[in-house]
Amino acid sequence: MISKQNNGRLSRNEFAHLGAGKVGYIRKMRSEDVARVFPEAPDLNPGLDLWALFGADGTPILLTDNRSSTFFKAAEDDLTTVSLH
């Protein structure tokens, strides 16, 4: 819900929770960047292209080498997906 106190503008807190539980985004990642976002992931060979699914707030949900898997997981979690390049 948008706060009426801000003339229809979102507060920082409202913006941070926009789409929570409803929207997920898919992003292509290099294996070199995985540890920063998925600290529990095992060590990966450098130079791999991977796909990640994140919640609207940036929470990592899934890491895979198969783009289709991200869409299946999003559908399983009832998330509308958007892609980031």
Protein backbone atom coordinates (compact mmCIF):
# COMPACT_ATOMS: atom_id res chain seq x y z
CA MET A 1 0.00 0.00 0.00
CA ILE A 2 1.33 3.45 -0.89
CA SER A 3 1.48 5.92 1.97
CA LYS A 4 -0.83 8.90 1.62
CA GLN A 5 1.58 10.99 3.67
CA ASN A 6 4.07 11.08 0.79
CA ASN A 7 1.66 12.40 -1.87
CA GLY A 8 1.45 8.99 -3.53
CA ARG A 9 5.22 8.40 -3.49
CA LEU A 10 6.70 5.26 -2.03
CA SER A 11 8.71 5.48 1.17
CA ARG A 12 12.06 3.67 1.23
CA ASN A 13 10.52 0.87 3.25
CA GLU A 14 7.54 0.54 0.89
CA PHE A 15 9.87 0.52 -2.12
CA ALA A 16 12.08 -2.15 -0.52
CA HIS A 17 9.07 -4.45 -0.15
CA LEU A 18 7.51 -3.74 -3.54
CA GLY A 19 6.70 -7.03 -5.22
CA ALA A 20 7.77 -9.13 -2.22
CA GLY A 21 6.48 -12.67 -2.60
CA LYS A 22 5.00 -11.84 -6.01
CA VAL A 23 7.88 -10.87 -8.31
CA GLY A 24 11.18 -12.58 -8.97
CA TYR A 25 13.95 -11.58 -11.30
CA ILE A 26 16.27 -13.70 -13.35
CA ARG A 27 19.84 -12.67 -14.01
CA LYS A 28 22.72 -14.23 -15.86
CA MET A 29 25.84 -14.43 -13.69
CA ARG A 30 29.47 -15.39 -14.12
CA SER A 31 30.79 -18.05 -11.79
CA GLU A 32 33.33 -15.53 -10.46
CA ASP A 33 30.46 -13.48 -8.98
CA VAL A 34 28.57 -16.34 -7.33
CA ALA A 35 30.33 -16.36 -3.92
CA ARG A 36 29.37 -12.74 -3.32
CA VAL A 37 25.65 -13.45 -3.80
CA PHE A 38 25.44 -17.14 -2.84
CA PRO A 39 28.05 -17.54 -0.06
CA GLU A 40 26.99 -21.14 0.59
CA ALA A 41 27.67 -22.19 -3.02
CA PRO A 42 30.60 -24.53 -3.62
CA ASP A 43 33.72 -23.30 -5.40
CA LEU A 44 33.08 -23.07 -9.12
CA ASN A 45 35.41 -23.07 -12.08
CA PRO A 46 35.92 -19.56 -13.46
CA GLY A 47 34.33 -18.55 -16.73
CA LEU A 48 31.01 -20.35 -16.33
CA ASP A 49 27.74 -18.66 -17.30
CA LEU A 50 25.03 -19.37 -14.73
CA TRP A 51 21.48 -18.23 -14.08
CA ALA A 52 20.10 -16.94 -10.80
CA LEU A 53 16.60 -16.32 -9.52
CA PHE A 54 16.14 -13.60 -6.92
CA GLY A 55 13.15 -12.35 -4.96
CA ALA A 56 11.97 -8.80 -5.63
CA ASP A 57 14.01 -7.62 -2.64
CA GLY A 58 17.20 -9.24 -3.97
CA THR A 59 17.05 -12.37 -1.84
CA PRO A 60 18.81 -15.19 -3.73
CA ILE A 61 16.50 -18.13 -4.40
CA LEU A 62 18.15 -20.38 -6.98
CA LEU A 63 21.43 -20.75 -8.86
CA THR A 64 21.60 -23.03 -11.89
CA ASP A 65 23.36 -23.57 -15.19
CA ASN A 66 20.00 -23.96 -16.92
CA ARG A 67 17.91 -20.85 -17.58
CA SER A 68 14.69 -22.86 -17.85
CA SER A 69 15.13 -24.06 -14.27
CA THR A 70 14.80 -20.50 -13.01
CA PHE A 71 11.40 -20.17 -14.69
CA PHE A 72 10.23 -23.51 -13.30
CA LYS A 73 11.26 -22.51 -9.77
CA ALA A 74 9.58 -19.11 -10.12
CA ALA A 75 6.36 -20.79 -11.28
CA GLU A 76 6.59 -23.25 -8.39
CA ASP A 77 6.85 -20.28 -5.99
CA ASP A 78 4.05 -18.37 -7.80
CA LEU A 79 6.40 -15.55 -8.79
CA THR A 80 5.97 -13.35 -11.83
CA THR A 81 9.38 -13.17 -13.47
CA VAL A 82 11.33 -10.33 -15.00
CA SER A 83 14.79 -10.56 -16.52
CA LEU A 84 17.72 -8.29 -15.81
CA HIS A 85 20.59 -7.89 -18.24
